[in-house]
């Protein structure tokens, strides 16, 4: 049982390292992680007494 938990722990660490590496190397392969740069305007009506 301890071997399975240890194996899953190593797999999670490896997955985390792969995810961090993908965020740094992804833009070289065409992955764009930047949010869309659109301006959004919305009218807000405040009610006063």
N, C-alpha and C. Protein backbone atom coordinates (compact mmCIF):
# COMPACT_ATOMS: atom_id res chain seq x y z
N UNK A 1 0.82 -1.19 0.00
CA UNK A 1 0.00 0.00 0.00
C UNK A 1 0.87 1.26 0.00
N UNK A 2 1.95 1.23 0.78
CA UNK A 2 2.84 2.38 0.83
C UNK A 2 3.50 2.62 -0.52
N UNK A 3 3.80 1.53 -1.26
CA UNK A 3 4.40 1.66 -2.58
C UNK A 3 3.47 2.40 -3.54
N UNK A 4 2.18 2.12 -3.46
CA UNK A 4 1.21 2.77 -4.33
C UNK A 4 1.12 4.27 -4.01
N UNK A 5 1.08 4.60 -2.76
CA UNK A 5 1.02 6.02 -2.36
C UNK A 5 2.30 6.74 -2.79
N UNK A 6 3.44 6.10 -2.62
CA UNK A 6 4.70 6.70 -3.02
C UNK A 6 4.75 6.89 -4.54
N UNK A 7 4.25 5.92 -5.29
CA UNK A 7 4.21 6.01 -6.74
C UNK A 7 3.29 7.14 -7.19
N UNK A 8 2.13 7.28 -6.57
CA UNK A 8 1.21 8.36 -6.90
C UNK A 8 1.80 9.73 -6.54
N UNK A 9 2.53 9.80 -5.45
CA UNK A 9 3.19 11.04 -5.07
C UNK A 9 4.23 11.44 -6.12
N UNK A 10 5.05 10.50 -6.55
CA UNK A 10 6.05 10.78 -7.58
C UNK A 10 5.37 11.19 -8.89
N UNK A 11 4.28 10.56 -9.23
CA UNK A 11 3.55 10.89 -10.45
C UNK A 11 2.97 12.30 -10.37
N UNK A 12 2.46 12.70 -9.21
CA UNK A 12 1.93 14.05 -9.04
C UNK A 12 3.04 15.09 -9.15
N UNK A 13 4.19 14.82 -8.57
CA UNK A 13 5.33 15.74 -8.67
C UNK A 13 5.79 15.86 -10.13
N UNK A 14 5.85 14.75 -10.83
CA UNK A 14 6.25 14.76 -12.24
C UNK A 14 5.23 15.53 -13.08
N UNK A 15 3.95 15.35 -12.80
CA UNK A 15 2.91 16.09 -13.51
C UNK A 15 3.00 17.58 -13.26
N UNK A 16 3.30 17.98 -12.03
CA UNK A 16 3.44 19.40 -11.71
C UNK A 16 4.63 20.00 -12.45
N UNK A 17 5.74 19.29 -12.49
CA UNK A 17 6.92 19.77 -13.20
C UNK A 17 6.62 19.88 -14.70
N UNK A 18 5.90 18.92 -15.25
CA UNK A 18 5.55 18.97 -16.67
C UNK A 18 4.62 20.14 -16.97
N UNK A 19 3.69 20.44 -16.08
CA UNK A 19 2.78 21.56 -16.28
C UNK A 19 3.53 22.89 -16.23
N UNK A 20 4.45 23.04 -15.30
CA UNK A 20 5.25 24.26 -15.22
C UNK A 20 6.13 24.39 -16.46
N UNK A 21 6.71 23.32 -16.91
CA UNK A 21 7.55 23.36 -18.12
C UNK A 21 6.71 23.73 -19.34
N UNK A 22 5.49 23.24 -19.42
CA UNK A 22 4.61 23.55 -20.55
C UNK A 22 4.24 25.02 -20.58
N UNK A 23 4.06 25.64 -19.39
CA UNK A 23 3.72 27.06 -19.38
C UNK A 23 4.88 27.91 -19.89
N UNK A 24 6.10 27.48 -19.69
CA UNK A 24 7.24 28.23 -20.18
C UNK A 24 7.57 27.92 -21.64
N UNK A 25 7.40 26.68 -22.06
CA UNK A 25 7.78 26.26 -23.41
C UNK A 25 6.60 26.33 -24.38
N UNK A 26 5.38 26.36 -23.88
CA UNK A 26 4.19 26.36 -24.72
C UNK A 26 4.13 27.44 -25.78
N UNK A 27 4.46 28.71 -25.46
CA UNK A 27 4.40 29.75 -26.50
C UNK A 27 5.31 29.48 -27.70
N UNK A 28 6.39 28.73 -27.53
CA UNK A 28 7.25 28.40 -28.67
C UNK A 28 6.58 27.42 -29.62
N UNK A 29 5.58 26.67 -29.12
CA UNK A 29 4.87 25.70 -29.95
C UNK A 29 3.48 26.18 -30.37
N UNK A 30 3.18 27.46 -30.13
CA UNK A 30 1.92 28.03 -30.60
C UNK A 30 0.82 28.11 -29.57
N UNK A 31 1.07 27.75 -28.34
CA UNK A 31 0.05 27.86 -27.29
C UNK A 31 0.07 29.28 -26.74
N UNK A 32 -1.07 29.97 -26.79
CA UNK A 32 -1.16 31.35 -26.31
C UNK A 32 -1.98 31.37 -25.04
N UNK A 33 -1.37 31.76 -23.93
CA UNK A 33 -2.03 31.75 -22.63
C UNK A 33 -2.50 33.12 -22.20
N UNK A 34 -2.31 34.15 -23.03
CA UNK A 34 -2.70 35.49 -22.63
C UNK A 34 -4.21 35.67 -22.75
N UNK A 35 -4.81 36.43 -21.84
CA UNK A 35 -6.25 36.67 -21.91
C UNK A 35 -6.59 37.62 -23.05
N UNK A 36 -7.82 37.58 -23.54
CA UNK A 36 -8.20 38.51 -24.61
C UNK A 36 -8.19 39.96 -24.10
N UNK A 37 -7.70 40.86 -24.94
CA UNK A 37 -7.55 42.26 -24.55
C UNK A 37 -8.69 43.09 -25.13
N UNK A 38 -9.90 42.87 -24.65
CA UNK A 38 -11.07 43.62 -25.10
C UNK A 38 -11.56 44.51 -23.98
N UNK A 39 -11.93 45.73 -24.34
CA UNK A 39 -12.47 46.65 -23.34
C UNK A 39 -13.98 46.42 -23.24
N UNK A 40 -14.45 46.28 -22.03
CA UNK A 40 -15.88 46.05 -21.78
C UNK A 40 -16.40 47.21 -20.96
N UNK A 41 -17.43 47.86 -21.46
CA UNK A 41 -18.06 48.96 -20.73
C UNK A 41 -19.51 48.58 -20.45
N UNK A 42 -19.91 48.81 -19.22
CA UNK A 42 -21.27 48.48 -18.81
C UNK A 42 -21.79 49.61 -17.92
N UNK A 43 -22.99 50.09 -18.24
CA UNK A 43 -23.59 51.17 -17.49
C UNK A 43 -24.15 50.64 -16.17
N UNK A 44 -23.86 51.36 -15.10
CA UNK A 44 -24.35 50.96 -13.78
C UNK A 44 -25.23 52.09 -13.27
N UNK A 45 -26.45 51.79 -12.89
CA UNK A 45 -27.38 52.79 -12.37
C UNK A 45 -27.50 52.57 -10.86
N UNK A 46 -27.13 53.58 -10.09
CA UNK A 46 -27.21 53.51 -8.63
C UNK A 46 -28.48 54.20 -8.17
N UNK A 47 -29.23 53.50 -7.34
CA UNK A 47 -30.46 54.06 -6.80
C UNK A 47 -30.17 54.75 -5.49
N UNK A 48 -30.60 56.01 -5.37
CA UNK A 48 -30.41 56.75 -4.13
C UNK A 48 -31.76 57.12 -3.55
N UNK A 49 -31.83 57.25 -2.26
CA UNK A 49 -33.09 57.63 -1.59
C UNK A 49 -33.11 59.09 -1.29
